[in-house]
């Protein structure tokens, strides 16, 4: 389990948001793993020193609506393609009504139709599937961006989690996620967003955004989570930002300060 996922799960445990099975899993790890116990105590100390808002649980309505929208979109695409094919076929059959005086034109037309048929049959079906898949992916991105504007924190968290269902993300999605990481007023939403962005860190724009976000965070828990992300990504460019918040926040919690100092030391030795 990655550090960010682990911290989020411990945070959920402290807030009483885990299922019975997940709660027993955390308690079992506390009994059997010294490393997990140390991480648990570390997050708990930060949690007890900070004011983290609880995010209320909601029903499955949004996911149901989301799936319904996708199903409607797929039906519309299939219906549109069927109508387009029928219209094209009707036009072609109309052209094939034979007229003697146009023998030369029919010969050329038959050659063109034959070439088109060969192209359509030889064209890999995979490209059609890829086109539909990309259209569906674009639709998901649009829905996700809309959900990010929802006033309910839980729905914004769900929107961020939908990024895991996308096989590609465009700049608009990346910009929206970075804006959420920097400006969302709910700390849990920002933590989930950070987790999603770390998974997209192969994109240079995402890495630059994560480094820049360090100095924008006023929450010690977010600063620690970003420090862990920088260590996971081995991002040495973050050292300057981490040193800056250490210098500009002399009243920082001792445990948080020690954590950031250790992260700086590790990054400097990479």
C-alpha atoms as a PDB file:
ATOM      1  CA  UNK A   1       0.000   0.000   0.000  1.00  0.00           C
ATOM      2  CA  UNK A   2       1.509   3.380  -1.002  1.00  0.00           C
ATOM      3  CA  UNK A   3       2.156   6.033   1.660  1.00  0.00           C
ATOM      4  CA  UNK A   4      -0.628   8.333   0.481  1.00  0.00           C
ATOM      5  CA  UNK A   5      -3.189   5.496   0.271  1.00  0.00           C
ATOM      6  CA  UNK A   6      -2.060   4.302   3.690  1.00  0.00           C
ATOM      7  CA  UNK A   7      -2.414   7.743   5.280  1.00  0.00           C
ATOM      8  CA  UNK A   8      -5.859   8.238   3.745  1.00  0.00           C
ATOM      9  CA  UNK A   9      -6.985   4.835   5.071  1.00  0.00           C
ATOM     10  CA  UNK A  10      -5.666   5.670   8.567  1.00  0.00           C
ATOM     11  CA  UNK A  11      -7.392   9.044   8.354  1.00  0.00           C
ATOM     12  CA  UNK A  12     -10.661   7.325   7.410  1.00  0.00           C
ATOM     13  CA  UNK A  13     -10.228   4.954  10.377  1.00  0.00           C
ATOM     14  CA  UNK A  14      -9.741   7.873  12.769  1.00  0.00           C
ATOM     15  CA  UNK A  15     -12.896   9.491  11.369  1.00  0.00           C
ATOM     16  CA  UNK A  16     -14.898   6.250  11.688  1.00  0.00           C
ATOM     17  CA  UNK A  17     -15.531   6.045   7.928  1.00  0.00           C
ATOM     18  CA  UNK A  18     -14.287   2.481   7.322  1.00  0.00           C
ATOM     19  CA  UNK A  19     -16.441  -0.610   7.011  1.00  0.00           C
ATOM     20  CA  UNK A  20     -16.255  -3.271   9.728  1.00  0.00           C
ATOM     21  CA  UNK A  21     -13.938  -5.409   7.581  1.00  0.00           C
ATOM     22  CA  UNK A  22     -11.604  -2.493   6.781  1.00  0.00           C
ATOM     23  CA  UNK A  23     -11.575  -1.395  10.409  1.00  0.00           C
ATOM     24  CA  UNK A  24     -10.546  -4.887  11.551  1.00  0.00           C
ATOM     25  CA  UNK A  25      -7.875  -4.922   8.840  1.00  0.00           C
ATOM     26  CA  UNK A  26      -6.361  -1.683  10.216  1.00  0.00           C
ATOM     27  CA  UNK A  27      -6.510  -2.979  13.798  1.00  0.00           C
ATOM     28  CA  UNK A  28      -4.920  -6.246  12.695  1.00  0.00           C
ATOM     29  CA  UNK A  29      -2.041  -4.376  11.050  1.00  0.00           C
ATOM     30  CA  UNK A  30      -1.562  -2.410  14.263  1.00  0.00           C
ATOM     31  CA  UNK A  31      -1.034  -5.670  16.127  1.00  0.00           C
ATOM     32  CA  UNK A  32       1.254  -7.320  13.586  1.00  0.00           C
ATOM     33  CA  UNK A  33       3.234  -4.575  11.850  1.00  0.00           C
ATOM     34  CA  UNK A  34       5.591  -2.211  13.670  1.00  0.00           C
ATOM     35  CA  UNK A  35       6.010  -0.123  10.527  1.00  0.00           C
ATOM     36  CA  UNK A  36       2.251   0.296  10.191  1.00  0.00           C
ATOM     37  CA  UNK A  37       1.902   1.128  13.901  1.00  0.00           C
ATOM     38  CA  UNK A  38       4.557   3.839  13.551  1.00  0.00           C
ATOM     39  CA  UNK A  39       2.793   5.309  10.515  1.00  0.00           C
ATOM     40  CA  UNK A  40      -0.586   5.086  12.333  1.00  0.00           C
ATOM     41  CA  UNK A  41       0.755   6.952  15.375  1.00  0.00           C
ATOM     42  CA  UNK A  42       2.377   9.537  13.117  1.00  0.00           C
ATOM     43  CA  UNK A  43      -0.855  10.336  11.284  1.00  0.00           C
ATOM     44  CA  UNK A  44      -2.853  10.209  14.517  1.00  0.00           C
ATOM     45  CA  UNK A  45      -0.613  12.848  16.128  1.00  0.00           C
ATOM     46  CA  UNK A  46      -1.104  15.168  13.191  1.00  0.00           C
ATOM     47  CA  UNK A  47      -4.855  14.432  13.172  1.00  0.00           C
ATOM     48  CA  UNK A  48      -5.199  15.273  16.854  1.00  0.00           C
ATOM     49  CA  UNK A  49      -3.424  18.596  16.333  1.00  0.00           C
ATOM     50  CA  UNK A  50      -5.458  19.670  13.314  1.00  0.00           C
ATOM     51  CA  UNK A  51      -9.135  20.463  12.666  1.00  0.00           C
ATOM     52  CA  UNK A  52     -10.231  18.192   9.779  1.00  0.00           C
ATOM     53  CA  UNK A  53     -13.845  18.467   8.703  1.00  0.00           C
ATOM     54  CA  UNK A  54     -15.870  15.291   8.460  1.00  0.00           C
ATOM     55  CA  UNK A  55     -17.326  14.562   5.038  1.00  0.00           C
ATOM     56  CA  UNK A  56     -20.797  13.020   5.231  1.00  0.00           C
ATOM     57  CA  UNK A  57     -21.494   9.771   3.426  1.00  0.00           C
ATOM     58  CA  UNK A  58     -24.053   9.865   0.644  1.00  0.00           C
ATOM     59  CA  UNK A  59     -26.046   7.226  -1.174  1.00  0.00           C
ATOM     60  CA  UNK A  60     -25.180   5.715  -4.533  1.00  0.00           C
ATOM     61  CA  UNK A  61     -27.400   8.127  -6.510  1.00  0.00           C
ATOM     62  CA  UNK A  62     -24.526   9.949  -8.230  1.00  0.00           C
ATOM     63  CA  UNK A  63     -22.850   6.755  -9.458  1.00  0.00           C
ATOM     64  CA  UNK A  64     -26.218   5.462 -10.709  1.00  0.00           C
ATOM     65  CA  UNK A  65     -26.858   8.728 -12.549  1.00  0.00           C
ATOM     66  CA  UNK A  66     -23.352   8.661 -13.977  1.00  0.00           C
ATOM     67  CA  UNK A  67     -23.793   5.125 -15.357  1.00  0.00           C
ATOM     68  CA  UNK A  68     -27.189   6.087 -16.768  1.00  0.00           C
ATOM     69  CA  UNK A  69     -25.659   9.051 -18.594  1.00  0.00           C
ATOM     70  CA  UNK A  70     -22.978   6.818 -20.104  1.00  0.00           C
ATOM     71  CA  UNK A  71     -25.552   4.246 -21.223  1.00  0.00           C
ATOM     72  CA  UNK A  72     -27.626   6.992 -22.860  1.00  0.00           C
ATOM     73  CA  UNK A  73     -24.541   8.298 -24.631  1.00  0.00           C
ATOM     74  CA  UNK A  74     -23.665   4.831 -25.984  1.00  0.00           C
ATOM     75  CA  UNK A  75     -27.253   4.306 -27.259  1.00  0.00           C
ATOM     76  CA  UNK A  76     -27.188   7.704 -28.966  1.00  0.00           C
ATOM     77  CA  UNK A  77     -23.915   6.829 -30.706  1.00  0.00           C
ATOM     78  CA  UNK A  78     -25.236   3.477 -31.912  1.00  0.00           C
ATOM     79  CA  UNK A  79     -28.500   5.049 -33.161  1.00  0.00           C
ATOM     80  CA  UNK A  80     -26.608   7.831 -34.954  1.00  0.00           C
ATOM     81  CA  UNK A  81     -24.347   5.348 -36.769  1.00  0.00           C
ATOM     82  CA  UNK A  82     -27.327   3.216 -37.834  1.00  0.00           C
ATOM     83  CA  UNK A  83     -29.157   6.233 -39.303  1.00  0.00           C
ATOM     84  CA  UNK A  84     -26.024   7.412 -41.087  1.00  0.00           C
ATOM     85  CA  UNK A  85     -25.479   4.001 -42.700  1.00  0.00           C
ATOM     86  CA  UNK A  86     -29.128   3.771 -43.826  1.00  0.00           C
ATOM     87  CA  UNK A  87     -28.997   7.245 -45.391  1.00  0.00           C
ATOM     88  CA  UNK A  88     -25.746   6.494 -47.244  1.00  0.00           C
ATOM     89  CA  UNK A  89     -27.072   3.186 -48.559  1.00  0.00           C
ATOM     90  CA  UNK A  90     -30.253   4.846 -49.851  1.00  0.00           C
ATOM     91  CA  UNK A  91     -28.228   7.417 -51.790  1.00  0.00           C
ATOM     92  CA  UNK A  92     -25.974   4.747 -53.310  1.00  0.00           C
ATOM     93  CA  UNK A  93     -28.883   2.557 -54.430  1.00  0.00           C
ATOM     94  CA  UNK A  94     -30.475   5.603 -56.044  1.00  0.00           C
ATOM     95  CA  UNK A  95     -27.327   6.208 -58.055  1.00  0.00           C
ATOM     96  CA  UNK A  96     -27.279   2.607 -59.246  1.00  0.00           C
ATOM     97  CA  UNK A  97     -30.507   2.949 -61.283  1.00  0.00           C
ATOM     98  CA  UNK A  98     -29.114   2.196 -64.724  1.00  0.00           C
ATOM     99  CA  UNK A  99     -29.172   4.764 -67.542  1.00  0.00           C
ATOM    100  CA  UNK A 100     -27.594   3.770 -70.883  1.00  0.00           C
ATOM    101  CA  UNK A 101     -26.299   7.183 -71.858  1.00  0.00           C
ATOM    102  CA  UNK A 102     -24.140   7.294 -68.749  1.00  0.00           C
ATOM    103  CA  UNK A 103     -22.182   4.047 -69.376  1.00  0.00           C
ATOM    104  CA  UNK A 104     -18.806   5.677 -68.827  1.00  0.00           C
ATOM    105  CA  UNK A 105     -19.980   7.363 -65.638  1.00  0.00           C
ATOM    106  CA  UNK A 106     -21.326   4.080 -64.259  1.00  0.00           C
ATOM    107  CA  UNK A 107     -18.001   2.383 -64.926  1.00  0.00           C
ATOM    108  CA  UNK A 108     -16.174   5.029 -62.935  1.00  0.00           C
ATOM    109  CA  UNK A 109     -18.822   4.929 -60.220  1.00  0.00           C
ATOM    110  CA  UNK A 110     -18.538   1.153 -59.911  1.00  0.00           C
ATOM    111  CA  UNK A 111     -14.768   1.452 -59.564  1.00  0.00           C
ATOM    112  CA  UNK A 112     -15.178   4.055 -56.822  1.00  0.00           C
ATOM    113  CA  UNK A 113     -17.802   1.984 -55.012  1.00  0.00           C
ATOM    114  CA  UNK A 114     -15.613  -1.115 -55.276  1.00  0.00           C
ATOM    115  CA  UNK A 115     -12.665   0.804 -53.835  1.00  0.00           C
ATOM    116  CA  UNK A 116     -14.835   2.117 -50.999  1.00  0.00           C
ATOM    117  CA  UNK A 117     -16.148  -1.344 -50.181  1.00  0.00           C
ATOM    118  CA  UNK A 118     -12.634  -2.775 -50.141  1.00  0.00           C
ATOM    119  CA  UNK A 119     -11.481   0.048 -47.872  1.00  0.00           C
ATOM    120  CA  UNK A 120     -14.380  -0.447 -45.467  1.00  0.00           C
ATOM    121  CA  UNK A 121     -13.856  -4.205 -45.280  1.00  0.00           C
ATOM    122  CA  UNK A 122     -10.084  -4.003 -45.025  1.00  0.00           C
ATOM    123  CA  UNK A 123     -10.031  -1.170 -42.494  1.00  0.00           C
ATOM    124  CA  UNK A 124      -9.216  -2.699 -39.091  1.00  0.00           C
ATOM    125  CA  UNK A 125     -12.258  -2.891 -36.871  1.00  0.00           C
ATOM    126  CA  UNK A 126     -10.017  -1.979 -34.003  1.00  0.00           C
ATOM    127  CA  UNK A 127      -9.811   1.636 -35.183  1.00  0.00           C
ATOM    128  CA  UNK A 128     -13.598   1.950 -34.973  1.00  0.00           C
ATOM    129  CA  UNK A 129     -13.584   0.559 -31.447  1.00  0.00           C
ATOM    130  CA  UNK A 130     -10.770   2.924 -30.494  1.00  0.00           C
ATOM    131  CA  UNK A 131     -12.743   5.886 -31.827  1.00  0.00           C
ATOM    132  CA  UNK A 132     -15.784   4.927 -29.773  1.00  0.00           C
ATOM    133  CA  UNK A 133     -13.605   4.320 -26.737  1.00  0.00           C
ATOM    134  CA  UNK A 134     -12.065   7.785 -27.074  1.00  0.00           C
ATOM    135  CA  UNK A 135     -15.499   9.377 -27.429  1.00  0.00           C
ATOM    136  CA  UNK A 136     -16.639   7.603 -24.267  1.00  0.00           C
ATOM    137  CA  UNK A 137     -13.466   8.690 -22.472  1.00  0.00           C
ATOM    138  CA  UNK A 138     -14.084  12.313 -23.500  1.00  0.00           C
ATOM    139  CA  UNK A 139     -17.652  12.053 -22.201  1.00  0.00           C
ATOM    140  CA  UNK A 140     -16.406  10.751 -18.852  1.00  0.00           C
ATOM    141  CA  UNK A 141     -13.958  13.652 -18.610  1.00  0.00           C
ATOM    142  CA  UNK A 142     -16.739  16.151 -19.239  1.00  0.00           C
ATOM    143  CA  UNK A 143     -18.915  14.582 -16.543  1.00  0.00           C
ATOM    144  CA  UNK A 144     -15.991  14.509 -14.109  1.00  0.00           C
ATOM    145  CA  UNK A 145     -15.275  18.218 -14.645  1.00  0.00           C
ATOM    146  CA  UNK A 146     -18.937  19.026 -14.005  1.00  0.00           C
ATOM    147  CA  UNK A 147     -18.959  16.996 -10.785  1.00  0.00           C
ATOM    148  CA  UNK A 148     -15.863  18.833  -9.523  1.00  0.00           C
ATOM    149  CA  UNK A 149     -18.000  21.969  -9.292  1.00  0.00           C
ATOM    150  CA  UNK A 150     -20.519  20.248  -6.989  1.00  0.00           C
ATOM    151  CA  UNK A 151     -20.858  22.085  -3.628  1.00  0.00           C
ATOM    152  CA  UNK A 152     -20.846  18.766  -1.749  1.00  0.00           C
ATOM    153  CA  UNK A 153     -17.361  17.593  -0.791  1.00  0.00           C
ATOM    154  CA  UNK A 154     -18.289  13.920  -1.102  1.00  0.00           C
ATOM    155  CA  UNK A 155     -19.364  14.389  -4.722  1.00  0.00           C
ATOM    156  CA  UNK A 156     -16.144  16.224  -5.524  1.00  0.00           C
ATOM    157  CA  UNK A 157     -14.215  13.299  -4.060  1.00  0.00           C
ATOM    158  CA  UNK A 158     -16.191  10.929  -6.294  1.00  0.00           C
ATOM    159  CA  UNK A 159     -15.384  13.127  -9.297  1.00  0.00           C
ATOM    160  CA  UNK A 160     -11.672  12.901  -8.530  1.00  0.00           C
ATOM    161  CA  UNK A 161     -11.908   9.122  -8.170  1.00  0.00           C
ATOM    162  CA  UNK A 162     -13.401   8.862 -11.677  1.00  0.00           C
ATOM    163  CA  UNK A 163      -9.958   9.773 -13.039  1.00  0.00           C
ATOM    164  CA  UNK A 164      -8.975   6.160 -12.313  1.00  0.00           C
ATOM    165  CA  UNK A 165     -11.505   5.068 -14.962  1.00  0.00           C
ATOM    166  CA  UNK A 166      -9.986   7.290 -17.667  1.00  0.00           C
ATOM    167  CA  UNK A 167      -7.411   5.743 -19.999  1.00  0.00           C
ATOM    168  CA  UNK A 168      -6.219   9.238 -21.005  1.00  0.00           C
ATOM    169  CA  UNK A 169      -6.614  12.695 -19.486  1.00  0.00           C
ATOM    170  CA  UNK A 170      -6.410  16.031 -21.278  1.00  0.00           C
ATOM    171  CA  UNK A 171      -4.929  19.323 -20.080  1.00  0.00           C
ATOM    172  CA  UNK A 172      -8.348  20.546 -18.972  1.00  0.00           C
ATOM    173  CA  UNK A 173      -8.665  17.649 -16.508  1.00  0.00           C
ATOM    174  CA  UNK A 174      -5.100  18.108 -15.241  1.00  0.00           C
ATOM    175  CA  UNK A 175      -5.660  21.839 -14.704  1.00  0.00           C
ATOM    176  CA  UNK A 176      -8.907  21.135 -12.851  1.00  0.00           C
ATOM    177  CA  UNK A 177      -7.227  18.589 -10.568  1.00  0.00           C
ATOM    178  CA  UNK A 178      -4.336  20.952  -9.793  1.00  0.00           C
ATOM    179  CA  UNK A 179      -6.803  23.769  -9.043  1.00  0.00           C
ATOM    180  CA  UNK A 180      -8.703  21.432  -6.699  1.00  0.00           C
ATOM    181  CA  UNK A 181      -5.463  20.451  -4.959  1.00  0.00           C
ATOM    182  CA  UNK A 182      -4.589  24.107  -4.358  1.00  0.00           C
ATOM    183  CA  UNK A 183      -7.949  25.724  -3.637  1.00  0.00           C
ATOM    184  CA  UNK A 184     -10.559  23.212  -2.447  1.00  0.00           C
ATOM    185  CA  UNK A 185     -11.689  24.137   1.063  1.00  0.00           C
ATOM    186  CA  UNK A 186     -12.012  20.504   2.144  1.00  0.00           C
ATOM    187  CA  UNK A 187      -8.834  18.741   3.179  1.00  0.00           C
ATOM    188  CA  UNK A 188     -10.120  15.261   2.382  1.00  0.00           C
ATOM    189  CA  UNK A 189     -10.885  16.324  -1.187  1.00  0.00           C
ATOM    190  CA  UNK A 190      -7.348  17.656  -1.527  1.00  0.00           C
ATOM    191  CA  UNK A 191      -5.866  14.412  -0.186  1.00  0.00           C
ATOM    192  CA  UNK A 192      -7.823  12.314  -2.695  1.00  0.00           C
ATOM    193  CA  UNK A 193      -6.830  14.727  -5.469  1.00  0.00           C
ATOM    194  CA  UNK A 194      -3.176  14.408  -4.517  1.00  0.00           C
ATOM    195  CA  UNK A 195      -3.450  10.624  -4.750  1.00  0.00           C
ATOM    196  CA  UNK A 196      -4.984  10.906  -8.235  1.00  0.00           C
ATOM    197  CA  UNK A 197      -2.304  13.330  -9.439  1.00  0.00           C
ATOM    198  CA  UNK A 198       0.554  11.142  -8.190  1.00  0.00           C
ATOM    199  CA  UNK A 199      -0.770   8.364 -10.445  1.00  0.00           C
ATOM    200  CA  UNK A 200      -0.530  10.820 -13.377  1.00  0.00           C
ATOM    201  CA  UNK A 201       2.976  11.993 -12.481  1.00  0.00           C
ATOM    202  CA  UNK A 202       4.493  10.672 -15.725  1.00  0.00           C
ATOM    203  CA  UNK A 203       3.127  13.899 -17.177  1.00  0.00           C
ATOM    204  CA  UNK A 204       5.718  16.704 -16.633  1.00  0.00           C
ATOM    205  CA  UNK A 205       2.937  19.252 -16.142  1.00  0.00           C
ATOM    206  CA  UNK A 206       1.583  17.214 -13.225  1.00  0.00           C
ATOM    207  CA  UNK A 207       5.022  16.985 -11.582  1.00  0.00           C
ATOM    208  CA  UNK A 208       5.553  20.731 -11.896  1.00  0.00           C
ATOM    209  CA  UNK A 209       2.102  21.366 -10.461  1.00  0.00           C
ATOM    210  CA  UNK A 210       2.727  19.102  -7.464  1.00  0.00           C
ATOM    211  CA  UNK A 211       6.007  20.847  -6.645  1.00  0.00           C
ATOM    212  CA  UNK A 212       4.380  24.277  -6.969  1.00  0.00           C
ATOM    213  CA  UNK A 213       1.498  23.194  -4.728  1.00  0.00           C
ATOM    214  CA  UNK A 214       3.738  22.639  -1.698  1.00  0.00           C
ATOM    215  CA  UNK A 215       3.985  26.337  -0.815  1.00  0.00           C
ATOM    216  CA  UNK A 216       0.257  26.831  -1.470  1.00  0.00           C
ATOM    217  CA  UNK A 217      -0.782  24.460   1.324  1.00  0.00           C
ATOM    218  CA  UNK A 218      -1.548  25.885   4.769  1.00  0.00           C
ATOM    219  CA  UNK A 219      -2.371  22.489   6.260  1.00  0.00           C
ATOM    220  CA  UNK A 220       0.446  20.535   7.889  1.00  0.00           C
ATOM    221  CA  UNK A 221      -1.208  17.247   6.979  1.00  0.00           C
ATOM    222  CA  UNK A 222      -1.277  18.270   3.298  1.00  0.00           C
ATOM    223  CA  UNK A 223       2.341  19.413   3.516  1.00  0.00           C
ATOM    224  CA  UNK A 224       3.361  16.028   4.908  1.00  0.00           C
ATOM    225  CA  UNK A 225       1.312  14.187   2.273  1.00  0.00           C
ATOM    226  CA  UNK A 226       2.982  16.231  -0.483  1.00  0.00           C
ATOM    227  CA  UNK A 227       6.396  15.576   1.054  1.00  0.00           C
ATOM    228  CA  UNK A 228       5.683  11.824   0.963  1.00  0.00           C
ATOM    229  CA  UNK A 229       4.584  12.177  -2.668  1.00  0.00           C
ATOM    230  CA  UNK A 230       7.803  13.989  -3.571  1.00  0.00           C
ATOM    231  CA  UNK A 231       9.834  11.235  -1.929  1.00  0.00           C
ATOM    232  CA  UNK A 232       7.818   8.560  -3.730  1.00  0.00           C
ATOM    233  CA  UNK A 233       8.412  10.339  -7.057  1.00  0.00           C
ATOM    234  CA  UNK A 234      12.037  11.133  -6.118  1.00  0.00           C
ATOM    235  CA  UNK A 235      11.403  14.725  -7.134  1.00  0.00           C
ATOM    236  CA  UNK A 236      14.518  16.670  -6.060  1.00  0.00           C
ATOM    237  CA  UNK A 237      13.059  19.939  -7.376  1.00  0.00           C
ATOM    238  CA  UNK A 238      10.752  19.958  -4.356  1.00  0.00           C
ATOM    239  CA  UNK A 239      13.618  20.443  -1.858  1.00  0.00           C
ATOM    240  CA  UNK A 240      13.590  24.223  -2.226  1.00  0.00           C
ATOM    241  CA  UNK A 241       9.840  24.432  -1.583  1.00  0.00           C
ATOM    242  CA  UNK A 242      10.048  22.119   1.440  1.00  0.00           C
ATOM    243  CA  UNK A 243      12.872  24.194   2.931  1.00  0.00           C
ATOM    244  CA  UNK A 244      10.851  27.346   2.311  1.00  0.00           C
ATOM    245  CA  UNK A 245       7.848  26.205   4.362  1.00  0.00           C
ATOM    246  CA  UNK A 246      10.178  25.000   7.132  1.00  0.00           C
ATOM    247  CA  UNK A 247      11.723  28.474   7.243  1.00  0.00           C
ATOM    248  CA  UNK A 248       8.471  30.419   6.984  1.00  0.00           C
ATOM    249  CA  UNK A 249       6.521  28.361   9.535  1.00  0.00           C
ATOM    250  CA  UNK A 250       8.588  28.380  12.738  1.00  0.00           C
ATOM    251  CA  UNK A 251       5.541  27.460  14.850  1.00  0.00           C
ATOM    252  CA  UNK A 252       4.993  24.198  12.946  1.00  0.00           C
ATOM    253  CA  UNK A 253       4.120  21.080  14.934  1.00  0.00           C
ATOM    254  CA  UNK A 254       7.365  19.380  16.034  1.00  0.00           C
ATOM    255  CA  UNK A 255       6.398  16.044  14.510  1.00  0.00           C
ATOM    256  CA  UNK A 256       5.478  17.678  11.194  1.00  0.00           C
ATOM    257  CA  UNK A 257       8.701  19.670  11.167  1.00  0.00           C
ATOM    258  CA  UNK A 258      10.779  16.561  11.830  1.00  0.00           C
ATOM    259  CA  UNK A 259       8.967  14.687   9.054  1.00  0.00           C
ATOM    260  CA  UNK A 260       9.659  17.433   6.511  1.00  0.00           C
ATOM    261  CA  UNK A 261      13.311  17.714   7.554  1.00  0.00           C
ATOM    262  CA  UNK A 262      13.769  13.963   7.109  1.00  0.00           C
ATOM    263  CA  UNK A 263      12.179  14.134   3.668  1.00  0.00           C
ATOM    264  CA  UNK A 264      14.534  16.945   2.621  1.00  0.00           C
ATOM    265  CA  UNK A 265      17.539  14.944   3.797  1.00  0.00           C
ATOM    266  CA  UNK A 266      16.439  11.854   1.839  1.00  0.00           C
ATOM    267  CA  UNK A 267      15.753  13.834  -1.326  1.00  0.00           C
ATOM    268  CA  UNK A 268      19.129  15.540  -1.159  1.00  0.00           C
ATOM    269  CA  UNK A 269      20.888  12.158  -1.082  1.00  0.00           C
ATOM    270  CA  UNK A 270      19.089  10.785  -4.155  1.00  0.00           C
END
